[in-house]
PDB file of all heavy atoms in Angstrom:
ATOM      1  N   GLY A   1     108.196 134.215  48.582  1.00  0.00           N
ATOM      2  CA  GLY A   1     109.177 133.522  47.821  1.00  0.00           C
ATOM      3  C   GLY A   1     110.184 132.719  48.654  1.00  0.00           C
ATOM      4  O   GLY A   1     110.995 132.015  48.179  1.00  0.00           O
ATOM      5  N   GLY A   2     110.224 132.965  49.916  1.00  0.00           N
ATOM      6  CA  GLY A   2     111.132 132.175  50.790  1.00  0.00           C
ATOM      7  C   GLY A   2     110.847 130.688  50.859  1.00  0.00           C
ATOM      8  O   GLY A   2     109.725 130.276  50.480  1.00  0.00           O
ATOM      9  N   GLY A   3     111.726 129.961  51.435  1.00  0.00           N
ATOM     10  CA  GLY A   3     111.392 128.494  51.509  1.00  0.00           C
ATOM     11  C   GLY A   3     112.766 127.805  51.886  1.00  0.00           C
ATOM     12  O   GLY A   3     113.768 128.382  52.143  1.00  0.00           O
ATOM     13  N   LEU A   4     112.628 126.416  51.762  1.00  0.00           N
ATOM     14  CA  LEU A   4     113.797 125.552  52.037  1.00  0.00           C
ATOM     15  C   LEU A   4     114.420 125.008  50.794  1.00  0.00           C
ATOM     16  O   LEU A   4     113.663 124.446  49.952  1.00  0.00           O
ATOM     17  CB  LEU A   4     113.271 124.428  52.950  1.00  0.00           C
ATOM     18  CG  LEU A   4     114.207 123.264  53.291  1.00  0.00           C
ATOM     19  CD1 LEU A   4     115.447 123.819  54.023  1.00  0.00           C
ATOM     20  CD2 LEU A   4     113.559 122.146  53.992  1.00  0.00           C
ATOM     21  N   VAL A   5     115.598 125.191  50.611  1.00  0.00           N
ATOM     22  CA  VAL A   5     116.257 124.620  49.378  1.00  0.00           C
ATOM     23  C   VAL A   5     117.668 124.034  49.765  1.00  0.00           C
ATOM     24  O   VAL A   5     118.152 124.273  50.844  1.00  0.00           O
ATOM     25  CB  VAL A   5     116.498 125.814  48.374  1.00  0.00           C
ATOM     26  CG1 VAL A   5     115.270 126.441  47.875  1.00  0.00           C
ATOM     27  CG2 VAL A   5     117.444 126.919  48.969  1.00  0.00           C
ATOM     28  N   GLN A   6     118.137 123.248  48.900  1.00  0.00           N
ATOM     29  CA  GLN A   6     119.367 122.571  49.137  1.00  0.00           C
ATOM     30  C   GLN A   6     120.538 123.483  48.673  1.00  0.00           C
ATOM     31  O   GLN A   6     120.315 124.438  47.763  1.00  0.00           O
ATOM     32  CB  GLN A   6     119.528 121.298  48.362  1.00  0.00           C
ATOM     33  CG  GLN A   6     118.588 120.178  48.785  1.00  0.00           C
ATOM     34  CD  GLN A   6     118.817 118.919  48.106  1.00  0.00           C
ATOM     35  OE1 GLN A   6     119.872 118.432  47.769  1.00  0.00           O
ATOM     36  NE2 GLN A   6     117.726 118.245  47.708  1.00  0.00           N
ATOM     37  N   ALA A   7     121.702 123.358  49.232  1.00  0.00           N
ATOM     38  CA  ALA A   7     122.917 124.166  48.776  1.00  0.00           C
ATOM     39  C   ALA A   7     123.044 124.072  47.270  1.00  0.00           C
ATOM     40  O   ALA A   7     122.909 122.988  46.688  1.00  0.00           O
ATOM     41  CB  ALA A   7     124.088 123.711  49.505  1.00  0.00           C
ATOM     42  N   GLY A   8     123.372 125.128  46.653  1.00  0.00           N
ATOM     43  CA  GLY A   8     123.429 125.133  45.229  1.00  0.00           C
ATOM     44  C   GLY A   8     122.160 125.417  44.492  1.00  0.00           C
ATOM     45  O   GLY A   8     122.248 125.656  43.233  1.00  0.00           O
ATOM     46  N   GLY A   9     121.079 125.450  45.066  1.00  0.00           N
ATOM     47  CA  GLY A   9     119.766 125.734  44.542  1.00  0.00           C
ATOM     48  C   GLY A   9     119.461 127.179  44.367  1.00  0.00           C
ATOM     49  O   GLY A   9     120.264 128.010  44.731  1.00  0.00           O
ATOM     50  N   SER A  10     118.303 127.546  43.976  1.00  0.00           N
ATOM     51  CA  SER A  10     117.905 128.837  43.638  1.00  0.00           C
ATOM     52  C   SER A  10     116.504 129.151  44.190  1.00  0.00           C
ATOM     53  O   SER A  10     115.772 128.301  44.338  1.00  0.00           O
ATOM     54  CB  SER A  10     117.836 129.081  42.135  1.00  0.00           C
ATOM     55  OG  SER A  10     119.180 128.940  41.555  1.00  0.00           O
ATOM     56  N   LEU A  11     116.344 130.424  44.542  1.00  0.00           N
ATOM     57  CA  LEU A  11     115.047 130.970  44.988  1.00  0.00           C
ATOM     58  C   LEU A  11     114.943 132.387  44.399  1.00  0.00           C
ATOM     59  O   LEU A  11     115.990 133.144  44.197  1.00  0.00           O
ATOM     60  CB  LEU A  11     114.948 131.028  46.427  1.00  0.00           C
ATOM     61  CG  LEU A  11     114.623 129.810  47.165  1.00  0.00           C
ATOM     62  CD1 LEU A  11     114.664 130.128  48.745  1.00  0.00           C
ATOM     63  CD2 LEU A  11     113.240 129.301  46.847  1.00  0.00           C
ATOM     64  N   ARG A  12     113.710 132.827  44.195  1.00  0.00           N
ATOM     65  CA  ARG A  12     113.451 134.202  43.816  1.00  0.00           C
ATOM     66  C   ARG A  12     112.507 134.825  44.826  1.00  0.00           C
ATOM     67  O   ARG A  12     111.309 134.388  44.955  1.00  0.00           O
ATOM     68  CB  ARG A  12     112.917 134.348  42.357  1.00  0.00           C
ATOM     69  CG  ARG A  12     112.913 135.853  41.926  1.00  0.00           C
ATOM     70  CD  ARG A  12     112.340 136.078  40.562  1.00  0.00           C
ATOM     71  NE  ARG A  12     110.914 136.005  40.565  1.00  0.00           N
ATOM     72  CZ  ARG A  12     110.167 136.577  39.638  1.00  0.00           C
ATOM     73  NH1 ARG A  12     110.718 137.366  38.656  1.00  0.00           N
ATOM     74  NH2 ARG A  12     108.751 136.446  39.591  1.00  0.00           N
ATOM     75  N   LEU A  13     112.955 135.805  45.475  1.00  0.00           N
ATOM     76  CA  LEU A  13     112.222 136.584  46.488  1.00  0.00           C
ATOM     77  C   LEU A  13     111.453 137.687  45.812  1.00  0.00           C
ATOM     78  O   LEU A  13     112.053 138.374  44.848  1.00  0.00           O
ATOM     79  CB  LEU A  13     113.007 137.104  47.641  1.00  0.00           C
ATOM     80  CG  LEU A  13     113.903 136.121  48.381  1.00  0.00           C
ATOM     81  CD1 LEU A  13     114.583 136.756  49.559  1.00  0.00           C
ATOM     82  CD2 LEU A  13     112.983 134.960  48.835  1.00  0.00           C
ATOM     83  N   SER A  14     110.261 137.944  46.168  1.00  0.00           N
ATOM     84  CA  SER A  14     109.452 139.003  45.616  1.00  0.00           C
ATOM     85  C   SER A  14     109.006 139.962  46.703  1.00  0.00           C
ATOM     86  O   SER A  14     108.748 139.546  47.853  1.00  0.00           O
ATOM     87  CB  SER A  14     108.200 138.502  44.886  1.00  0.00           C
ATOM     88  OG  SER A  14     108.530 137.668  43.755  1.00  0.00           O
ATOM     89  N   CYS A  15     108.863 141.324  46.379  1.00  0.00           N
ATOM     90  CA  CYS A  15     108.403 142.212  47.334  1.00  0.00           C
ATOM     91  C   CYS A  15     107.437 143.157  46.575  1.00  0.00           C
ATOM     92  O   CYS A  15     107.921 143.910  45.647  1.00  0.00           O
ATOM     93  CB  CYS A  15     109.586 143.049  47.936  1.00  0.00           C
ATOM     94  SG  CYS A  15     109.104 144.500  48.897  1.00  0.00           S
ATOM     95  N   ALA A  16     106.250 143.192  46.926  1.00  0.00           N
ATOM     96  CA  ALA A  16     105.211 144.053  46.371  1.00  0.00           C
ATOM     97  C   ALA A  16     105.033 145.327  47.219  1.00  0.00           C
ATOM     98  O   ALA A  16     104.784 145.206  48.408  1.00  0.00           O
ATOM     99  CB  ALA A  16     103.895 143.329  46.233  1.00  0.00           C
ATOM    100  N   ALA A  17     105.144 146.477  46.697  1.00  0.00           N
ATOM    101  CA  ALA A  17     105.152 147.697  47.334  1.00  0.00           C
ATOM    102  C   ALA A  17     103.789 148.428  47.078  1.00  0.00           C
ATOM    103  O   ALA A  17     103.335 148.539  45.969  1.00  0.00           O
ATOM    104  CB  ALA A  17     106.274 148.606  46.975  1.00  0.00           C
ATOM    105  N   SER A  18     103.288 149.054  48.053  1.00  0.00           N
ATOM    106  CA  SER A  18     102.070 149.882  47.836  1.00  0.00           C
ATOM    107  C   SER A  18     102.459 151.362  47.395  1.00  0.00           C
ATOM    108  O   SER A  18     103.683 151.683  47.457  1.00  0.00           O
ATOM    109  CB  SER A  18     101.290 150.016  49.168  1.00  0.00           C
ATOM    110  OG  SER A  18     102.026 150.732  50.177  1.00  0.00           O
ATOM    111  N   GLY A  19     101.502 152.071  46.980  1.00  0.00           N
ATOM    112  CA  GLY A  19     101.744 153.495  46.604  1.00  0.00           C
ATOM    113  C   GLY A  19     101.816 153.687  45.093  1.00  0.00           C
ATOM    114  O   GLY A  19     101.999 152.779  44.386  1.00  0.00           O
ATOM    115  N   ASN A  20     101.493 154.906  44.753  1.00  0.00           N
ATOM    116  CA  ASN A  20     101.584 155.237  43.294  1.00  0.00           C
ATOM    117  C   ASN A  20     102.782 156.064  42.876  1.00  0.00           C
ATOM    118  O   ASN A  20     102.793 156.617  41.818  1.00  0.00           O
ATOM    119  CB  ASN A  20     100.328 156.005  42.942  1.00  0.00           C
ATOM    120  CG  ASN A  20     100.138 157.229  43.862  1.00  0.00           C
ATOM    121  OD1 ASN A  20     100.976 157.635  44.495  1.00  0.00           O
ATOM    122  ND2 ASN A  20      98.999 157.819  43.655  1.00  0.00           N
ATOM    123  N   THR A  21     103.833 156.035  43.699  1.00  0.00           N
ATOM    124  CA  THR A  21     105.080 156.736  43.421  1.00  0.00           C
ATOM    125  C   THR A  21     106.232 155.746  43.519  1.00  0.00           C
ATOM    126  O   THR A  21     107.313 156.148  44.096  1.00  0.00           O
ATOM    127  CB  THR A  21     105.275 157.954  44.321  1.00  0.00           C
ATOM    128  OG1 THR A  21     105.153 157.532  45.727  1.00  0.00           O
ATOM    129  CG2 THR A  21     104.146 159.019  44.120  1.00  0.00           C
ATOM    130  N   PHE A  22     105.989 154.559  43.167  1.00  0.00           N
ATOM    131  CA  PHE A  22     107.060 153.502  43.259  1.00  0.00           C
ATOM    132  C   PHE A  22     108.407 153.955  42.662  1.00  0.00           C
ATOM    133  O   PHE A  22     109.486 153.473  43.124  1.00  0.00           O
ATOM    134  CB  PHE A  22     106.562 152.205  42.666  1.00  0.00           C
ATOM    135  CG  PHE A  22     107.494 151.018  42.771  1.00  0.00           C
ATOM    136  CD1 PHE A  22     107.870 150.516  43.923  1.00  0.00           C
ATOM    137  CD2 PHE A  22     108.088 150.515  41.600  1.00  0.00           C
ATOM    138  CE1 PHE A  22     108.752 149.425  44.015  1.00  0.00           C
ATOM    139  CE2 PHE A  22     108.928 149.416  41.563  1.00  0.00           C
ATOM    140  CZ  PHE A  22     109.271 148.899  42.819  1.00  0.00           C
ATOM    141  N   ARG A  23     108.305 154.641  41.559  1.00  0.00           N
ATOM    142  CA  ARG A  23     109.550 155.086  40.925  1.00  0.00           C
ATOM    143  C   ARG A  23     110.417 155.976  41.749  1.00  0.00           C
ATOM    144  O   ARG A  23     111.496 156.200  41.378  1.00  0.00           O
ATOM    145  CB  ARG A  23     109.134 155.792  39.475  1.00  0.00           C
ATOM    146  CG  ARG A  23     108.742 154.803  38.460  1.00  0.00           C
ATOM    147  CD  ARG A  23     108.550 155.531  37.073  1.00  0.00           C
ATOM    148  NE  ARG A  23     108.232 154.618  36.029  1.00  0.00           N
ATOM    149  CZ  ARG A  23     109.132 154.044  35.296  1.00  0.00           C
ATOM    150  NH1 ARG A  23     110.520 154.325  35.451  1.00  0.00           N
ATOM    151  NH2 ARG A  23     108.761 153.207  34.336  1.00  0.00           N
ATOM    152  N   THR A  24     109.839 156.507  42.777  1.00  0.00           N
ATOM    153  CA  THR A  24     110.577 157.410  43.599  1.00  0.00           C
ATOM    154  C   THR A  24     111.254 156.580  44.784  1.00  0.00           C
ATOM    155  O   THR A  24     111.962 157.209  45.613  1.00  0.00           O
ATOM    156  CB  THR A  24     109.739 158.555  44.221  1.00  0.00           C
ATOM    157  OG1 THR A  24     108.826 157.974  45.130  1.00  0.00           O
ATOM    158  CG2 THR A  24     109.011 159.280  43.099  1.00  0.00           C
ATOM    159  N   TYR A  25     110.998 155.399  44.885  1.00  0.00           N
ATOM    160  CA  TYR A  25     111.446 154.559  45.957  1.00  0.00           C
ATOM    161  C   TYR A  25     112.842 153.958  45.693  1.00  0.00           C
ATOM    162  O   TYR A  25     113.000 153.343  44.644  1.00  0.00           O
ATOM    163  CB  TYR A  25     110.589 153.411  46.355  1.00  0.00           C
ATOM    164  CG  TYR A  25     109.126 153.691  46.718  1.00  0.00           C
ATOM    165  CD1 TYR A  25     108.203 152.714  46.705  1.00  0.00           C
ATOM    166  CD2 TYR A  25     108.740 155.020  46.804  1.00  0.00           C
ATOM    167  CE1 TYR A  25     106.906 152.988  47.033  1.00  0.00           C
ATOM    168  CE2 TYR A  25     107.339 155.331  47.166  1.00  0.00           C
ATOM    169  CZ  TYR A  25     106.534 154.255  47.263  1.00  0.00           C
ATOM    170  OH  TYR A  25     105.185 154.478  47.476  1.00  0.00           O
ATOM    171  N   ASN A  26     113.857 154.194  46.461  1.00  0.00           N
ATOM    172  CA  ASN A  26     114.983 153.348  46.480  1.00  0.00           C
ATOM    173  C   ASN A  26     114.655 152.064  47.211  1.00  0.00           C
ATOM    174  O   ASN A  26     114.134 152.092  48.289  1.00  0.00           O
ATOM    175  CB  ASN A  26     116.160 154.125  47.260  1.00  0.00           C
ATOM    176  CG  ASN A  26     116.558 155.340  46.569  1.00  0.00           C
ATOM    177  OD1 ASN A  26     117.096 155.301  45.463  1.00  0.00           O
ATOM    178  ND2 ASN A  26     116.363 156.472  47.182  1.00  0.00           N
ATOM    179  N   MET A  27     115.029 150.949  46.576  1.00  0.00           N
ATOM    180  CA  MET A  27     114.569 149.666  47.152  1.00  0.00           C
ATOM    181  C   MET A  27     115.772 148.827  47.406  1.00  0.00           C
ATOM    182  O   MET A  27     116.873 148.915  46.866  1.00  0.00           O
ATOM    183  CB  MET A  27     113.776 148.967  46.170  1.00  0.00           C
ATOM    184  CG  MET A  27     112.438 149.653  45.727  1.00  0.00           C
ATOM    185  SD  MET A  27     111.364 149.969  47.169  1.00  0.00           S
ATOM    186  CE  MET A  27     110.937 148.234  47.655  1.00  0.00           C
ATOM    187  N   GLY A  28     115.667 147.974  48.341  1.00  0.00           N
ATOM    188  CA  GLY A  28     116.786 147.061  48.744  1.00  0.00           C
ATOM    189  C   GLY A  28     116.304 145.749  49.430  1.00  0.00           C
ATOM    190  O   GLY A  28     115.197 145.617  49.782  1.00  0.00           O
ATOM    191  N   TRP A  29     117.233 144.943  49.729  1.00  0.00           N
ATOM    192  CA  TRP A  29     117.067 143.772  50.495  1.00  0.00           C
ATOM    193  C   TRP A  29     118.145 143.639  51.615  1.00  0.00           C
ATOM    194  O   TRP A  29     119.321 144.006  51.384  1.00  0.00           O
ATOM    195  CB  TRP A  29     117.178 142.447  49.666  1.00  0.00           C
ATOM    196  CG  TRP A  29     116.017 142.283  48.681  1.00  0.00           C
ATOM    197  CD1 TRP A  29     115.993 142.673  47.422  1.00  0.00           C
ATOM    198  CD2 TRP A  29     114.843 141.599  48.963  1.00  0.00           C
ATOM    199  NE1 TRP A  29     114.793 142.279  46.787  1.00  0.00           N
ATOM    200  CE2 TRP A  29     114.072 141.701  47.786  1.00  0.00           C
ATOM    201  CE3 TRP A  29     114.284 140.984  50.109  1.00  0.00           C
ATOM    202  CZ2 TRP A  29     112.809 141.077  47.658  1.00  0.00           C
ATOM    203  CZ3 TRP A  29     113.021 140.436  49.966  1.00  0.00           C
ATOM    204  CH2 TRP A  29     112.282 140.496  48.824  1.00  0.00           C
ATOM    205  N   PHE A  30     117.635 143.264  52.770  1.00  0.00           N
ATOM    206  CA  PHE A  30     118.548 142.992  53.938  1.00  0.00           C
ATOM    207  C   PHE A  30     118.223 141.597  54.426  1.00  0.00           C
ATOM    208  O   PHE A  30     117.164 141.038  54.117  1.00  0.00           O
ATOM    209  CB  PHE A  30     118.324 144.020  55.115  1.00  0.00           C
ATOM    210  CG  PHE A  30     118.807 145.411  54.729  1.00  0.00           C
ATOM    211  CD1 PHE A  30     118.215 146.174  53.719  1.00  0.00           C
ATOM    212  CD2 PHE A  30     119.977 145.930  55.291  1.00  0.00           C
ATOM    213  CE1 PHE A  30     118.645 147.431  53.457  1.00  0.00           C
ATOM    214  CE2 PHE A  30     120.424 147.213  55.049  1.00  0.00           C
ATOM    215  CZ  PHE A  30     119.702 147.976  54.128  1.00  0.00           C
ATOM    216  N   ARG A  31     119.137 141.028  55.222  1.00  0.00           N
ATOM    217  CA  ARG A  31     118.821 139.773  55.797  1.00  0.00           C
ATOM    218  C   ARG A  31     119.272 139.808  57.232  1.00  0.00           C
ATOM    219  O   ARG A  31     120.177 140.550  57.623  1.00  0.00           O
ATOM    220  CB  ARG A  31     119.448 138.633  54.987  1.00  0.00           C
ATOM    221  CG  ARG A  31     120.965 138.637  54.939  1.00  0.00           C
ATOM    222  CD  ARG A  31     121.493 137.579  54.063  1.00  0.00           C
ATOM    223  NE  ARG A  31     122.905 137.558  54.007  1.00  0.00           N
ATOM    224  CZ  ARG A  31     123.649 136.716  53.195  1.00  0.00           C
ATOM    225  NH1 ARG A  31     123.062 135.977  52.285  1.00  0.00           N
ATOM    226  NH2 ARG A  31     125.008 136.736  53.185  1.00  0.00           N
ATOM    227  N   GLN A  32     118.775 138.917  58.066  1.00  0.00           N
ATOM    228  CA  GLN A  32     119.124 138.818  59.451  1.00  0.00           C
ATOM    229  C   GLN A  32     119.099 137.368  59.954  1.00  0.00           C
ATOM    230  O   GLN A  32     118.099 136.615  59.741  1.00  0.00           O
ATOM    231  CB  GLN A  32     118.211 139.650  60.254  1.00  0.00           C
ATOM    232  CG  GLN A  32     118.533 139.798  61.758  1.00  0.00           C
ATOM    233  CD  GLN A  32     117.750 140.917  62.428  1.00  0.00           C
ATOM    234  OE1 GLN A  32     116.706 141.254  62.029  1.00  0.00           O
ATOM    235  NE2 GLN A  32     118.408 141.485  63.487  1.00  0.00           N
ATOM    236  N   ARG A  33     120.140 136.961  60.564  1.00  0.00           N
ATOM    237  CA  ARG A  33     120.185 135.583  61.130  1.00  0.00           C
ATOM    238  C   ARG A  33     119.985 135.754  62.664  1.00  0.00           C
ATOM    239  O   ARG A  33     120.254 136.825  63.172  1.00  0.00           O
ATOM    240  CB  ARG A  33     121.547 134.936  60.855  1.00  0.00           C
ATOM    241  CG  ARG A  33     121.849 134.820  59.447  1.00  0.00           C
ATOM    242  CD  ARG A  33     123.095 134.046  59.146  1.00  0.00           C
ATOM    243  NE  ARG A  33     122.897 132.626  59.449  1.00  0.00           N
ATOM    244  CZ  ARG A  33     123.778 131.642  59.240  1.00  0.00           C
ATOM    245  NH1 ARG A  33     124.948 132.026  58.674  1.00  0.00           N
ATOM    246  NH2 ARG A  33     123.483 130.483  59.491  1.00  0.00           N
ATOM    247  N   PRO A  34     119.465 134.743  63.332  1.00  0.00           N
ATOM    248  CA  PRO A  34     119.190 134.879  64.815  1.00  0.00           C
ATOM    249  C   PRO A  34     120.376 135.289  65.540  1.00  0.00           C
ATOM    250  O   PRO A  34     121.460 134.708  65.386  1.00  0.00           O
ATOM    251  CB  PRO A  34     118.746 133.450  65.173  1.00  0.00           C
ATOM    252  CG  PRO A  34     118.149 132.877  63.896  1.00  0.00           C
ATOM    253  CD  PRO A  34     119.099 133.466  62.800  1.00  0.00           C
ATOM    254  N   GLY A  35     120.234 136.298  66.418  1.00  0.00           N
ATOM    255  CA  GLY A  35     121.259 136.791  67.296  1.00  0.00           C
ATOM    256  C   GLY A  35     122.244 137.700  66.561  1.00  0.00           C
ATOM    257  O   GLY A  35     123.264 138.068  67.113  1.00  0.00           O
ATOM    258  N   LYS A  36     122.026 137.923  65.232  1.00  0.00           N
ATOM    259  CA  LYS A  36     122.963 138.822  64.509  1.00  0.00           C
ATOM    260  C   LYS A  36     122.228 140.114  64.117  1.00  0.00           C
ATOM    261  O   LYS A  36     120.975 140.171  64.025  1.00  0.00           O
ATOM    262  CB  LYS A  36     123.378 138.088  63.184  1.00  0.00           C
ATOM    263  CG  LYS A  36     124.140 136.798  63.496  1.00  0.00           C
ATOM    264  CD  LYS A  36     125.490 137.063  64.243  1.00  0.00           C
ATOM    265  CE  LYS A  36     126.211 135.744  64.338  1.00  0.00           C
ATOM    266  NZ  LYS A  36     127.527 135.905  65.016  1.00  0.00           N
ATOM    267  N   GLU A  37     122.977 141.121  63.720  1.00  0.00           N
ATOM    268  CA  GLU A  37     122.455 142.396  63.315  1.00  0.00           C
ATOM    269  C   GLU A  37     121.946 142.202  61.779  1.00  0.00           C
ATOM    270  O   GLU A  37     122.474 141.304  61.094  1.00  0.00           O
ATOM    271  CB  GLU A  37     123.520 143.459  63.329  1.00  0.00           C
ATOM    272  CG  GLU A  37     123.921 143.883  64.747  1.00  0.00           C
ATOM    273  CD  GLU A  37     124.908 144.995  64.689  1.00  0.00           C
ATOM    274  OE1 GLU A  37     125.429 145.347  63.638  1.00  0.00           O
ATOM    275  OE2 GLU A  37     125.130 145.566  65.802  1.00  0.00           O
ATOM    276  N   ARG A  38     121.089 143.068  61.368  1.00  0.00           N
ATOM    277  CA  ARG A  38     120.561 143.049  60.010  1.00  0.00           C
ATOM    278  C   ARG A  38     121.677 143.410  59.092  1.00  0.00           C
ATOM    279  O   ARG A  38     122.396 144.387  59.334  1.00  0.00           O
ATOM    280  CB  ARG A  38     119.408 143.950  59.933  1.00  0.00           C
ATOM    281  CG  ARG A  38     118.553 143.775  58.606  1.00  0.00           C
ATOM    282  CD  ARG A  38     117.150 144.494  58.744  1.00  0.00           C
ATOM    283  NE  ARG A  38     116.347 143.795  59.667  1.00  0.00           N
ATOM    284  CZ  ARG A  38     115.164 144.109  59.906  1.00  0.00           C
ATOM    285  NH1 ARG A  38     114.535 145.078  59.146  1.00  0.00           N
ATOM    286  NH2 ARG A  38     114.371 143.391  60.757  1.00  0.00           N
ATOM    287  N   GLU A  39     121.826 142.703  58.061  1.00  0.00           N
ATOM    288  CA  GLU A  39     122.820 142.779  57.073  1.00  0.00           C
ATOM    289  C   GLU A  39     122.403 143.258  55.712  1.00  0.00           C
ATOM    290  O   GLU A  39     121.421 142.730  55.204  1.00  0.00           O
ATOM    291  CB  GLU A  39     123.636 141.470  56.947  1.00  0.00           C
ATOM    292  CG  GLU A  39     124.707 141.365  55.943  1.00  0.00           C
ATOM    293  CD  GLU A  39     125.171 139.919  55.709  1.00  0.00           C
ATOM    294  OE1 GLU A  39     124.579 138.953  56.311  1.00  0.00           O
ATOM    295  OE2 GLU A  39     126.113 139.759  54.870  1.00  0.00           O
TER     296      GLU A  39
END
């Protein structure tokens, strides 16, 4: 779902997880810019 967009635009990222116990997973999103720590 990533890509190039203009400021003010929208994107939807998707993450497909394996396993049959998905309901037991705490899920999240992080991001990282070059030279920076993961946020």
